[in-house]
């Protein structure tokens, strides 16, 4: 089924741009999810080791997560722009 969709996309002239944009958007989402997951896990481990520093750790975790999410959003927008431009 996936192969049929890919062959149809290539035969209609959409080509490698849409395929690359789809793969790129998927990789961006995967990378952002893994990065935010690692930040959350490391922050919980750090808070468990030093509960008195929990507020500072949580603030740093939220800022880092927001930055990663911003980069991921930028990557997805770039992939969408690539898929719309032929």
PDB file of N, CA and C in Angstrom:
ATOM      1  N   UNK A   1       0.823  -1.186   0.000  1.00  0.00           N
ATOM      2  CA  UNK A   1       0.000   0.000   0.000  1.00  0.00           C
ATOM      3  C   UNK A   1       0.877   1.264   0.000  1.00  0.00           C
ATOM      4  N   UNK A   2       1.905   1.263   0.832  1.00  0.00           N
ATOM      5  CA  UNK A   2       2.803   2.408   0.883  1.00  0.00           C
ATOM      6  C   UNK A   2       3.560   2.562  -0.426  1.00  0.00           C
ATOM      7  N   UNK A   3       3.967   1.443  -0.990  1.00  0.00           N
ATOM      8  CA  UNK A   3       4.685   1.494  -2.261  1.00  0.00           C
ATOM      9  C   UNK A   3       3.796   2.058  -3.366  1.00  0.00           C
ATOM     10  N   UNK A   4       2.518   1.700  -3.350  1.00  0.00           N
ATOM     11  CA  UNK A   4       1.592   2.221  -4.354  1.00  0.00           C
ATOM     12  C   UNK A   4       1.430   3.741  -4.221  1.00  0.00           C
ATOM     13  N   UNK A   5       1.362   4.224  -2.993  1.00  0.00           N
ATOM     14  CA  UNK A   5       1.249   5.668  -2.775  1.00  0.00           C
ATOM     15  C   UNK A   5       2.508   6.402  -3.242  1.00  0.00           C
ATOM     16  N   UNK A   6       3.675   5.818  -2.958  1.00  0.00           N
ATOM     17  CA  UNK A   6       4.921   6.442  -3.402  1.00  0.00           C
ATOM     18  C   UNK A   6       5.018   6.473  -4.922  1.00  0.00           C
ATOM     19  N   UNK A   7       4.645   5.369  -5.564  1.00  0.00           N
ATOM     20  CA  UNK A   7       4.689   5.323  -7.024  1.00  0.00           C
ATOM     21  C   UNK A   7       3.714   6.324  -7.643  1.00  0.00           C
ATOM     22  N   UNK A   8       2.562   6.477  -7.023  1.00  0.00           N
ATOM     23  CA  UNK A   8       1.584   7.444  -7.517  1.00  0.00           C
ATOM     24  C   UNK A   8       2.114   8.871  -7.361  1.00  0.00           C
ATOM     25  N   UNK A   9       2.772   9.164  -6.250  1.00  0.00           N
ATOM     26  CA  UNK A   9       3.318  10.509  -6.027  1.00  0.00           C
ATOM     27  C   UNK A   9       4.406  10.825  -7.050  1.00  0.00           C
ATOM     28  N   UNK A  10       5.242   9.838  -7.371  1.00  0.00           N
ATOM     29  CA  UNK A  10       6.311  10.071  -8.341  1.00  0.00           C
ATOM     30  C   UNK A  10       5.766  10.196  -9.754  1.00  0.00           C
ATOM     31  N   UNK A  11       4.721   9.449 -10.060  1.00  0.00           N
ATOM     32  CA  UNK A  11       4.177   9.503 -11.417  1.00  0.00           C
ATOM     33  C   UNK A  11       3.414  10.806 -11.674  1.00  0.00           C
ATOM     34  N   UNK A  12       2.885  11.434 -10.640  1.00  0.00           N
ATOM     35  CA  UNK A  12       2.149  12.681 -10.812  1.00  0.00           C
ATOM     36  C   UNK A  12       3.073  13.898 -10.838  1.00  0.00           C
ATOM     37  N   UNK A  13       4.357  13.707 -10.703  1.00  0.00           N
ATOM     38  CA  UNK A  13       5.295  14.816 -10.767  1.00  0.00           C
ATOM     39  C   UNK A  13       5.605  15.435  -9.427  1.00  0.00           C
ATOM     40  N   UNK A  14       5.062  14.906  -8.336  1.00  0.00           N
ATOM     41  CA  UNK A  14       5.356  15.463  -7.019  1.00  0.00           C
ATOM     42  C   UNK A  14       6.810  15.199  -6.658  1.00  0.00           C
ATOM     43  N   UNK A  15       7.284  14.044  -7.015  1.00  0.00           N
ATOM     44  CA  UNK A  15       8.692  13.721  -6.931  1.00  0.00           C
ATOM     45  C   UNK A  15       9.265  13.590  -5.549  1.00  0.00           C
ATOM     46  N   UNK A  16      10.561  13.803  -5.546  1.00  0.00           N
ATOM     47  CA  UNK A  16      11.321  13.576  -4.331  1.00  0.00           C
ATOM     48  C   UNK A  16      11.129  14.674  -3.296  1.00  0.00           C
ATOM     49  N   UNK A  17      10.632  15.829  -3.689  1.00  0.00           N
ATOM     50  CA  UNK A  17      10.460  16.929  -2.736  1.00  0.00           C
ATOM     51  C   UNK A  17       9.450  16.565  -1.650  1.00  0.00           C
ATOM     52  N   UNK A  18       8.331  15.999  -2.047  1.00  0.00           N
ATOM     53  CA  UNK A  18       7.312  15.636  -1.061  1.00  0.00           C
ATOM     54  C   UNK A  18       7.785  14.484  -0.192  1.00  0.00           C
ATOM     55  N   UNK A  19       8.459  13.521  -0.814  1.00  0.00           N
ATOM     56  CA  UNK A  19       8.991  12.403  -0.044  1.00  0.00           C
ATOM     57  C   UNK A  19      10.023  12.891   0.970  1.00  0.00           C
ATOM     58  N   UNK A  20      10.921  13.765   0.530  1.00  0.00           N
ATOM     59  CA  UNK A  20      11.928  14.310   1.438  1.00  0.00           C
ATOM     60  C   UNK A  20      11.322  15.158   2.533  1.00  0.00           C
ATOM     61  N   UNK A  21      10.300  15.929   2.179  1.00  0.00           N
ATOM     62  CA  UNK A  21       9.646  16.770   3.187  1.00  0.00           C
ATOM     63  C   UNK A  21       8.934  15.911   4.230  1.00  0.00           C
ATOM     64  N   UNK A  22       8.308  14.845   3.802  1.00  0.00           N
ATOM     65  CA  UNK A  22       7.631  13.954   4.749  1.00  0.00           C
ATOM     66  C   UNK A  22       8.611  13.262   5.678  1.00  0.00           C
ATOM     67  N   UNK A  23       9.700  12.775   5.108  1.00  0.00           N
ATOM     68  CA  UNK A  23      10.713  12.123   5.936  1.00  0.00           C
ATOM     69  C   UNK A  23      11.353  13.136   6.874  1.00  0.00           C
ATOM     70  N   UNK A  24      11.616  14.339   6.371  1.00  0.00           N
ATOM     71  CA  UNK A  24      12.213  15.376   7.212  1.00  0.00           C
ATOM     72  C   UNK A  24      11.316  15.771   8.370  1.00  0.00           C
ATOM     73  N   UNK A  25      10.023  15.921   8.101  1.00  0.00           N
ATOM     74  CA  UNK A  25       9.090  16.287   9.175  1.00  0.00           C
ATOM     75  C   UNK A  25       9.016  15.178  10.226  1.00  0.00           C
ATOM     76  N   UNK A  26       9.045  13.951   9.761  1.00  0.00           N
ATOM     77  CA  UNK A  26       9.033  12.829  10.704  1.00  0.00           C
ATOM     78  C   UNK A  26      10.277  12.791  11.567  1.00  0.00           C
ATOM     79  N   UNK A  27      11.432  13.034  10.961  1.00  0.00           N
ATOM     80  CA  UNK A  27      12.679  13.044  11.725  1.00  0.00           C
ATOM     81  C   UNK A  27      12.734  14.208  12.716  1.00  0.00           C
ATOM     82  N   UNK A  28      12.191  15.355  12.313  1.00  0.00           N
ATOM     83  CA  UNK A  28      12.153  16.503  13.220  1.00  0.00           C
ATOM     84  C   UNK A  28      11.286  16.179  14.434  1.00  0.00           C
ATOM     85  N   UNK A  29      10.123  15.601  14.197  1.00  0.00           N
ATOM     86  CA  UNK A  29       9.223  15.265  15.308  1.00  0.00           C
ATOM     87  C   UNK A  29       9.844  14.197  16.209  1.00  0.00           C
ATOM     88  N   UNK A  30      10.495  13.225  15.605  1.00  0.00           N
ATOM     89  CA  UNK A  30      11.146  12.165  16.381  1.00  0.00           C
ATOM     90  C   UNK A  30      12.278  12.736  17.229  1.00  0.00           C
ATOM     91  N   UNK A  31      13.092  13.579  16.628  1.00  0.00           N
ATOM     92  CA  UNK A  31      14.199  14.177  17.371  1.00  0.00           C
ATOM     93  C   UNK A  31      13.734  15.057  18.510  1.00  0.00           C
ATOM     94  N   UNK A  32      12.691  15.841  18.269  1.00  0.00           N
ATOM     95  CA  UNK A  32      12.163  16.704  19.328  1.00  0.00           C
ATOM     96  C   UNK A  32      11.584  15.878  20.467  1.00  0.00           C
ATOM     97  N   UNK A  33      10.869  14.831  20.134  1.00  0.00           N
ATOM     98  CA  UNK A  33      10.299  13.965  21.169  1.00  0.00           C
ATOM     99  C   UNK A  33      11.368  13.295  22.012  1.00  0.00           C
ATOM    100  N   UNK A  34      12.397  12.797  21.354  1.00  0.00           N
ATOM    101  CA  UNK A  34      13.488  12.165  22.094  1.00  0.00           C
ATOM    102  C   UNK A  34      14.237  13.174  22.953  1.00  0.00           C
ATOM    103  N   UNK A  35      14.472  14.365  22.406  1.00  0.00           N
ATOM    104  CA  UNK A  35      15.188  15.386  23.164  1.00  0.00           C
ATOM    105  C   UNK A  35      14.428  15.846  24.403  1.00  0.00           C
ATOM    106  N   UNK A  36      13.149  16.098  24.239  1.00  0.00           N
ATOM    107  CA  UNK A  36      12.342  16.546  25.380  1.00  0.00           C
ATOM    108  C   UNK A  36      12.189  15.425  26.398  1.00  0.00           C
ATOM    109  N   UNK A  37      12.094  14.192  25.924  1.00  0.00           N
ATOM    110  CA  UNK A  37      12.020  13.055  26.842  1.00  0.00           C
ATOM    111  C   UNK A  37      13.286  12.905  27.667  1.00  0.00           C
ATOM    112  N   UNK A  38      14.430  13.094  27.026  1.00  0.00           N
ATOM    113  CA  UNK A  38      15.693  13.002  27.766  1.00  0.00           C
ATOM    114  C   UNK A  38      15.830  14.144  28.766  1.00  0.00           C
ATOM    115  N   UNK A  39      15.388  15.330  28.370  1.00  0.00           N
ATOM    116  CA  UNK A  39      15.449  16.465  29.304  1.00  0.00           C
ATOM    117  C   UNK A  39      14.573  16.190  30.525  1.00  0.00           C
ATOM    118  N   UNK A  40      13.360  15.710  30.282  1.00  0.00           N
ATOM    119  CA  UNK A  40      12.453  15.420  31.398  1.00  0.00           C
ATOM    120  C   UNK A  40      12.995  14.341  32.318  1.00  0.00           C
ATOM    121  N   UNK A  41      13.548  13.276  31.732  1.00  0.00           N
ATOM    122  CA  UNK A  41      14.103  12.199  32.538  1.00  0.00           C
ATOM    123  C   UNK A  41      15.300  12.649  33.361  1.00  0.00           C
ATOM    124  N   UNK A  42      16.170  13.412  32.734  1.00  0.00           N
ATOM    125  CA  UNK A  42      17.344  13.911  33.453  1.00  0.00           C
ATOM    126  C   UNK A  42      16.953  14.892  34.548  1.00  0.00           C
ATOM    127  N   UNK A  43      15.943  15.705  34.283  1.00  0.00           N
ATOM    128  CA  UNK A  43      15.496  16.659  35.302  1.00  0.00           C
ATOM    129  C   UNK A  43      14.881  15.936  36.496  1.00  0.00           C
ATOM    130  N   UNK A  44      14.110  14.893  36.236  1.00  0.00           N
ATOM    131  CA  UNK A  44      13.524  14.153  37.351  1.00  0.00           C
ATOM    132  C   UNK A  44      14.593  13.457  38.177  1.00  0.00           C
ATOM    133  N   UNK A  45      15.609  12.944  37.500  1.00  0.00           N
ATOM    134  CA  UNK A  45      16.723  12.317  38.217  1.00  0.00           C
ATOM    135  C   UNK A  45      17.483  13.345  39.056  1.00  0.00           C
ATOM    136  N   UNK A  46      17.690  14.530  38.501  1.00  0.00           N
ATOM    137  CA  UNK A  46      18.400  15.582  39.235  1.00  0.00           C
ATOM    138  C   UNK A  46      17.595  16.070  40.422  1.00  0.00           C
ATOM    139  N   UNK A  47      16.287  16.186  40.253  1.00  0.00           N
ATOM    140  CA  UNK A  47      15.436  16.620  41.368  1.00  0.00           C
ATOM    141  C   UNK A  47      15.399  15.560  42.458  1.00  0.00           C
ATOM    142  N   UNK A  48      15.452  14.288  42.066  1.00  0.00           N
ATOM    143  CA  UNK A  48      15.473  13.222  43.066  1.00  0.00           C
ATOM    144  C   UNK A  48      16.777  13.239  43.860  1.00  0.00           C
ATOM    145  N   UNK A  49      17.871  13.627  43.207  1.00  0.00           N
ATOM    146  CA  UNK A  49      19.151  13.676  43.914  1.00  0.00           C
ATOM    147  C   UNK A  49      19.274  14.910  44.802  1.00  0.00           C
ATOM    148  N   UNK A  50      18.746  16.041  44.337  1.00  0.00           N
ATOM    149  CA  UNK A  50      18.825  17.294  45.099  1.00  0.00           C
ATOM    150  C   UNK A  50      17.454  17.966  45.114  1.00  0.00           C
ATOM    151  N   UNK A  51      16.599  17.566  46.008  1.00  0.00           N
ATOM    152  CA  UNK A  51      15.246  18.145  46.040  1.00  0.00           C
ATOM    153  C   UNK A  51      15.222  19.647  46.295  1.00  0.00           C
ATOM    154  N   UNK A  52      16.232  20.178  46.989  1.00  0.00           N
ATOM    155  CA  UNK A  52      16.226  21.614  47.294  1.00  0.00           C
ATOM    156  C   UNK A  52      16.483  22.463  46.054  1.00  0.00           C
ATOM    157  N   UNK A  53      17.035  21.877  44.993  1.00  0.00           N
ATOM    158  CA  UNK A  53      17.296  22.611  43.757  1.00  0.00           C
ATOM    159  C   UNK A  53      16.208  22.363  42.715  1.00  0.00           C
ATOM    160  N   UNK A  54      15.087  21.851  43.140  1.00  0.00           N
ATOM    161  CA  UNK A  54      14.015  21.484  42.216  1.00  0.00           C
ATOM    162  C   UNK A  54      13.472  22.643  41.400  1.00  0.00           C
ATOM    163  N   UNK A  55      13.330  23.801  42.012  1.00  0.00           N
ATOM    164  CA  UNK A  55      12.789  24.967  41.301  1.00  0.00           C
ATOM    165  C   UNK A  55      13.693  25.426  40.170  1.00  0.00           C
ATOM    166  N   UNK A  56      15.002  25.491  40.441  1.00  0.00           N
ATOM    167  CA  UNK A  56      15.950  25.922  39.410  1.00  0.00           C
ATOM    168  C   UNK A  56      16.036  24.893  38.284  1.00  0.00           C
ATOM    169  N   UNK A  57      16.013  23.625  38.657  1.00  0.00           N
ATOM    170  CA  UNK A  57      16.090  22.561  37.649  1.00  0.00           C
ATOM    171  C   UNK A  57      14.848  22.582  36.772  1.00  0.00           C
ATOM    172  N   UNK A  58      13.685  22.760  37.391  1.00  0.00           N
ATOM    173  CA  UNK A  58      12.443  22.785  36.622  1.00  0.00           C
ATOM    174  C   UNK A  58      12.405  23.971  35.668  1.00  0.00           C
ATOM    175  N   UNK A  59      12.893  25.130  36.119  1.00  0.00           N
ATOM    176  CA  UNK A  59      12.927  26.307  35.252  1.00  0.00           C
ATOM    177  C   UNK A  59      13.835  26.068  34.050  1.00  0.00           C
ATOM    178  N   UNK A  60      15.009  25.513  34.299  1.00  0.00           N
ATOM    179  CA  UNK A  60      15.939  25.228  33.206  1.00  0.00           C
ATOM    180  C   UNK A  60      15.355  24.185  32.254  1.00  0.00           C
ATOM    181  N   UNK A  61      14.637  23.202  32.789  1.00  0.00           N
ATOM    182  CA  UNK A  61      14.022  22.168  31.967  1.00  0.00           C
ATOM    183  C   UNK A  61      12.954  22.772  31.059  1.00  0.00           C
ATOM    184  N   UNK A  62      12.141  23.645  31.580  1.00  0.00           N
ATOM    185  CA  UNK A  62      11.069  24.255  30.787  1.00  0.00           C
ATOM    186  C   UNK A  62      11.647  25.137  29.687  1.00  0.00           C
ATOM    187  N   UNK A  63      12.689  25.891  29.998  1.00  0.00           N
ATOM    188  CA  UNK A  63      13.314  26.750  28.985  1.00  0.00           C
ATOM    189  C   UNK A  63      13.934  25.906  27.881  1.00  0.00           C
ATOM    190  N   UNK A  64      14.653  24.857  28.251  1.00  0.00           N
ATOM    191  CA  UNK A  64      15.278  23.992  27.242  1.00  0.00           C
ATOM    192  C   UNK A  64      14.231  23.282  26.395  1.00  0.00           C
ATOM    193  N   UNK A  65      13.142  22.838  27.007  1.00  0.00           N
ATOM    194  CA  UNK A  65      12.070  22.187  26.256  1.00  0.00           C
ATOM    195  C   UNK A  65      11.409  23.147  25.280  1.00  0.00           C
ATOM    196  N   UNK A  66      11.230  24.382  25.686  1.00  0.00           N
ATOM    197  CA  UNK A  66      10.632  25.382  24.798  1.00  0.00           C
ATOM    198  C   UNK A  66      11.546  25.675  23.614  1.00  0.00           C
ATOM    199  N   UNK A  67      12.843  25.730  23.852  1.00  0.00           N
ATOM    200  CA  UNK A  67      13.776  25.960  22.754  1.00  0.00           C
ATOM    201  C   UNK A  67      13.781  24.796  21.767  1.00  0.00           C
ATOM    202  N   UNK A  68      13.753  23.590  22.285  1.00  0.00           N
ATOM    203  CA  UNK A  68      13.703  22.419  21.401  1.00  0.00           C
ATOM    204  C   UNK A  68      12.401  22.405  20.611  1.00  0.00           C
ATOM    205  N   UNK A  69      11.311  22.733  21.257  1.00  0.00           N
ATOM    206  CA  UNK A  69      10.020  22.757  20.570  1.00  0.00           C
ATOM    207  C   UNK A  69       9.996  23.831  19.487  1.00  0.00           C
ATOM    208  N   UNK A  70      10.631  24.967  19.738  1.00  0.00           N
ATOM    209  CA  UNK A  70      10.707  26.017  18.731  1.00  0.00           C
ATOM    210  C   UNK A  70      11.498  25.581  17.512  1.00  0.00           C
ATOM    211  N   UNK A  71      12.614  24.916  17.727  1.00  0.00           N
ATOM    212  CA  UNK A  71      13.416  24.415  16.610  1.00  0.00           C
ATOM    213  C   UNK A  71      12.637  23.351  15.841  1.00  0.00           C
ATOM    214  N   UNK A  72      11.913  22.505  16.548  1.00  0.00           N
ATOM    215  CA  UNK A  72      11.119  21.470  15.884  1.00  0.00           C
ATOM    216  C   UNK A  72      10.010  22.096  15.039  1.00  0.00           C
ATOM    217  N   UNK A  73       9.367  23.115  15.563  1.00  0.00           N
ATOM    218  CA  UNK A  73       8.325  23.797  14.798  1.00  0.00           C
ATOM    219  C   UNK A  73       8.907  24.435  13.548  1.00  0.00           C
ATOM    220  N   UNK A  74      10.069  25.054  13.678  1.00  0.00           N
ATOM    221  CA  UNK A  74      10.737  25.642  12.523  1.00  0.00           C
ATOM    222  C   UNK A  74      11.059  24.574  11.481  1.00  0.00           C
ATOM    223  N   UNK A  75      11.538  23.426  11.911  1.00  0.00           N
ATOM    224  CA  UNK A  75      11.853  22.337  10.991  1.00  0.00           C
ATOM    225  C   UNK A  75      10.634  21.813  10.261  1.00  0.00           C
ATOM    226  N   UNK A  76       9.531  21.666  10.965  1.00  0.00           N
ATOM    227  CA  UNK A  76       8.297  21.190  10.330  1.00  0.00           C
ATOM    228  C   UNK A  76       7.777  22.219   9.330  1.00  0.00           C
ATOM    229  N   UNK A  77       7.863  23.502   9.666  1.00  0.00           N
ATOM    230  CA  UNK A  77       7.419  24.544   8.735  1.00  0.00           C
ATOM    231  C   UNK A  77       8.271  24.530   7.472  1.00  0.00           C
ATOM    232  N   UNK A  78       9.580  24.367   7.609  1.00  0.00           N
ATOM    233  CA  UNK A  78      10.452  24.285   6.449  1.00  0.00           C
ATOM    234  C   UNK A  78      10.082  23.078   5.581  1.00  0.00           C
ATOM    235  N   UNK A  79       9.807  21.949   6.213  1.00  0.00           N
ATOM    236  CA  UNK A  79       9.409  20.754   5.457  1.00  0.00           C
ATOM    237  C   UNK A  79       8.080  20.969   4.743  1.00  0.00           C
ATOM    238  N   UNK A  80       7.148  21.646   5.387  1.00  0.00           N
ATOM    239  CA  UNK A  80       5.874  21.932   4.727  1.00  0.00           C
ATOM    240  C   UNK A  80       6.056  22.874   3.543  1.00  0.00           C
ATOM    241  N   UNK A  81       6.911  23.874   3.704  1.00  0.00           N
ATOM    242  CA  UNK A  81       7.182  24.782   2.585  1.00  0.00           C
ATOM    243  C   UNK A  81       7.819  24.050   1.416  1.00  0.00           C
ATOM    244  N   UNK A  82       8.706  23.128   1.704  1.00  0.00           N
ATOM    245  CA  UNK A  82       9.335  22.344   0.643  1.00  0.00           C
ATOM    246  C   UNK A  82       8.296  21.511  -0.085  1.00  0.00           C
ATOM    247  N   UNK A  83       7.345  20.956   0.662  1.00  0.00           N
ATOM    248  CA  UNK A  83       6.350  20.096   0.026  1.00  0.00           C
ATOM    249  C   UNK A  83       5.358  20.892  -0.835  1.00  0.00           C
ATOM    250  N   UNK A  84       5.150  22.185  -0.518  1.00  0.00           N
ATOM    251  CA  UNK A  84       4.217  22.980  -1.315  1.00  0.00           C
ATOM    252  C   UNK A  84       4.853  23.622  -2.533  1.00  0.00           C
ATOM    253  N   UNK A  85       6.163  23.793  -2.504  1.00  0.00           N
ATOM    254  CA  UNK A  85       6.877  24.383  -3.646  1.00  0.00           C
ATOM    255  C   UNK A  85       7.305  23.267  -4.572  1.00  0.00           C
ATOM    256  N   UNK A  86       6.920  23.343  -5.814  1.00  0.00           N
ATOM    257  CA  UNK A  86       7.313  22.292  -6.776  1.00  0.00           C
ATOM    258  C   UNK A  86       8.284  22.843  -7.766  1.00  0.00           C
TER     259      UNK A  86
END
